[in-house]
Amino acid sequence: MPDQWLPRIFGSEADEPMPEFPSLKVVKRVIDLIMRLTFEIAPQEFSPSFSTREVEEKSYTIVDEWCSGFLQGIRLTQAATVG
């Protein structure tokens, strides 16, 4: 559910409040835009983006940041189904 992952978008922990907004109208607009984007991304269109780093003329794919975010999402899902 969005209430479980939405705070992470703003950099908060799941149990922390979301940042303050100047008005309820702004909150609704921001959340509406986030949800529209969420529903526009179809699974068949999704592909993770990885960075690369060149070291001694050899290219390395950097995946640890993507993996960390993916695991956070899995933990949120598990917490929702268990708790």
C-alpha atoms as a PDB file:
ATOM      1  CA  MET A   1       0.000   0.000   0.000  1.00  0.00           C
ATOM      2  CA  PRO A   2       1.223   3.541  -0.699  1.00  0.00           C
ATOM      3  CA  ASP A   3       1.247   4.474   2.973  1.00  0.00           C
ATOM      4  CA  GLN A   4       4.029   1.917   3.431  1.00  0.00           C
ATOM      5  CA  TRP A   5       6.327   3.024   0.603  1.00  0.00           C
ATOM      6  CA  LEU A   6       5.381   6.675   0.108  1.00  0.00           C
ATOM      7  CA  PRO A   7       7.414   7.970   3.091  1.00  0.00           C
ATOM      8  CA  ARG A   8      10.521   6.348   1.572  1.00  0.00           C
ATOM      9  CA  ILE A   9      10.180   8.604  -1.462  1.00  0.00           C
ATOM     10  CA  PHE A  10      10.716  11.574   0.809  1.00  0.00           C
ATOM     11  CA  GLY A  11      13.658   9.895   2.553  1.00  0.00           C
ATOM     12  CA  SER A  12      11.806   9.107   5.768  1.00  0.00           C
ATOM     13  CA  GLU A  13      11.649   5.885   7.686  1.00  0.00           C
ATOM     14  CA  ALA A  14       8.304   4.101   7.545  1.00  0.00           C
ATOM     15  CA  ASP A  15       7.334   5.216  11.067  1.00  0.00           C
ATOM     16  CA  GLU A  16       8.399   8.862  10.628  1.00  0.00           C
ATOM     17  CA  PRO A  17       5.954  11.520   9.470  1.00  0.00           C
ATOM     18  CA  MET A  18       6.203  12.820   5.930  1.00  0.00           C
ATOM     19  CA  PRO A  19       7.650  16.311   5.445  1.00  0.00           C
ATOM     20  CA  GLU A  20       5.429  19.313   6.017  1.00  0.00           C
ATOM     21  CA  PHE A  21       3.839  20.895   2.972  1.00  0.00           C
ATOM     22  CA  PRO A  22       2.541  24.460   2.684  1.00  0.00           C
ATOM     23  CA  SER A  23      -1.053  23.332   2.184  1.00  0.00           C
ATOM     24  CA  LEU A  24      -3.299  20.318   1.855  1.00  0.00           C
ATOM     25  CA  LYS A  25      -3.742  21.220  -1.826  1.00  0.00           C
ATOM     26  CA  VAL A  26       0.022  20.845  -2.389  1.00  0.00           C
ATOM     27  CA  VAL A  27       0.087  17.496  -0.549  1.00  0.00           C
ATOM     28  CA  LYS A  28      -2.733  16.150  -2.698  1.00  0.00           C
ATOM     29  CA  ARG A  29      -1.053  17.392  -5.882  1.00  0.00           C
ATOM     30  CA  VAL A  30       2.326  15.829  -5.022  1.00  0.00           C
ATOM     31  CA  ILE A  31       0.804  12.494  -4.053  1.00  0.00           C
ATOM     32  CA  ASP A  32      -1.425  12.527  -7.141  1.00  0.00           C
ATOM     33  CA  LEU A  33       1.598  13.038  -9.392  1.00  0.00           C
ATOM     34  CA  ILE A  34       3.555  10.271  -7.664  1.00  0.00           C
ATOM     35  CA  MET A  35       0.643   7.844  -7.930  1.00  0.00           C
ATOM     36  CA  ARG A  36       0.047   8.691 -11.610  1.00  0.00           C
ATOM     37  CA  LEU A  37       3.691   8.001 -12.366  1.00  0.00           C
ATOM     38  CA  THR A  38       3.536   4.759 -10.378  1.00  0.00           C
ATOM     39  CA  PHE A  39       0.584   3.499 -12.411  1.00  0.00           C
ATOM     40  CA  GLU A  40       2.119   4.589 -15.724  1.00  0.00           C
ATOM     41  CA  ILE A  41       5.094   2.275 -15.254  1.00  0.00           C
ATOM     42  CA  ALA A  42       4.084  -1.094 -16.634  1.00  0.00           C
ATOM     43  CA  PRO A  43       6.107  -4.148 -15.502  1.00  0.00           C
ATOM     44  CA  GLN A  44       7.086  -5.030 -19.056  1.00  0.00           C
ATOM     45  CA  GLU A  45       8.488  -1.511 -19.513  1.00  0.00           C
ATOM     46  CA  PHE A  46      10.518  -1.495 -16.306  1.00  0.00           C
ATOM     47  CA  SER A  47      14.196  -2.145 -16.366  1.00  0.00           C
ATOM     48  CA  PRO A  48      16.600  -1.240 -13.593  1.00  0.00           C
ATOM     49  CA  SER A  49      19.193   1.384 -14.389  1.00  0.00           C
ATOM     50  CA  PHE A  50      22.750   0.657 -13.394  1.00  0.00           C
ATOM     51  CA  SER A  51      25.763   2.913 -13.332  1.00  0.00           C
ATOM     52  CA  THR A  52      29.155   1.871 -14.588  1.00  0.00           C
ATOM     53  CA  ARG A  53      32.645   2.734 -13.457  1.00  0.00           C
ATOM     54  CA  GLU A  54      35.854   2.518 -15.417  1.00  0.00           C
ATOM     55  CA  VAL A  55      38.857   1.177 -13.491  1.00  0.00           C
ATOM     56  CA  GLU A  56      42.127   0.527 -15.275  1.00  0.00           C
ATOM     57  CA  GLU A  57      40.380   0.478 -18.662  1.00  0.00           C
ATOM     58  CA  LYS A  58      37.887  -2.123 -17.450  1.00  0.00           C
ATOM     59  CA  SER A  59      34.160  -1.346 -17.102  1.00  0.00           C
ATOM     60  CA  TYR A  60      32.310  -2.458 -13.950  1.00  0.00           C
ATOM     61  CA  THR A  61      28.554  -2.343 -13.443  1.00  0.00           C
ATOM     62  CA  ILE A  62      27.497  -0.815 -10.136  1.00  0.00           C
ATOM     63  CA  VAL A  63      24.394  -2.554  -8.826  1.00  0.00           C
ATOM     64  CA  ASP A  64      24.604  -2.189  -5.039  1.00  0.00           C
ATOM     65  CA  GLU A  65      22.390   0.941  -4.871  1.00  0.00           C
ATOM     66  CA  TRP A  66      19.670  -0.659  -6.999  1.00  0.00           C
ATOM     67  CA  CYS A  67      19.886  -3.877  -4.964  1.00  0.00           C
ATOM     68  CA  SER A  68      19.609  -1.945  -1.711  1.00  0.00           C
ATOM     69  CA  GLY A  69      16.428  -0.206  -2.894  1.00  0.00           C
ATOM     70  CA  PHE A  70      14.997  -3.455  -4.209  1.00  0.00           C
ATOM     71  CA  LEU A  71      15.612  -5.172  -0.861  1.00  0.00           C
ATOM     72  CA  GLN A  72      13.973  -2.271   0.991  1.00  0.00           C
ATOM     73  CA  GLY A  73      10.898  -2.765  -1.195  1.00  0.00           C
ATOM     74  CA  ILE A  74      10.862  -6.494  -0.468  1.00  0.00           C
ATOM     75  CA  ARG A  75      11.112  -5.817   3.279  1.00  0.00           C
ATOM     76  CA  LEU A  76       8.197  -3.393   3.080  1.00  0.00           C
ATOM     77  CA  THR A  77       6.132  -5.985   1.250  1.00  0.00           C
ATOM     78  CA  GLN A  78       7.020  -8.695   3.755  1.00  0.00           C
ATOM     79  CA  ALA A  79       6.190  -6.402   6.691  1.00  0.00           C
ATOM     80  CA  ALA A  80       2.802  -5.646   5.109  1.00  0.00           C
ATOM     81  CA  THR A  81       1.908  -9.294   4.636  1.00  0.00           C
ATOM     82  CA  VAL A  82       3.242 -10.478   7.989  1.00  0.00           C
ATOM     83  CA  GLY A  83       2.204  -7.588  10.189  1.00  0.00           C
END
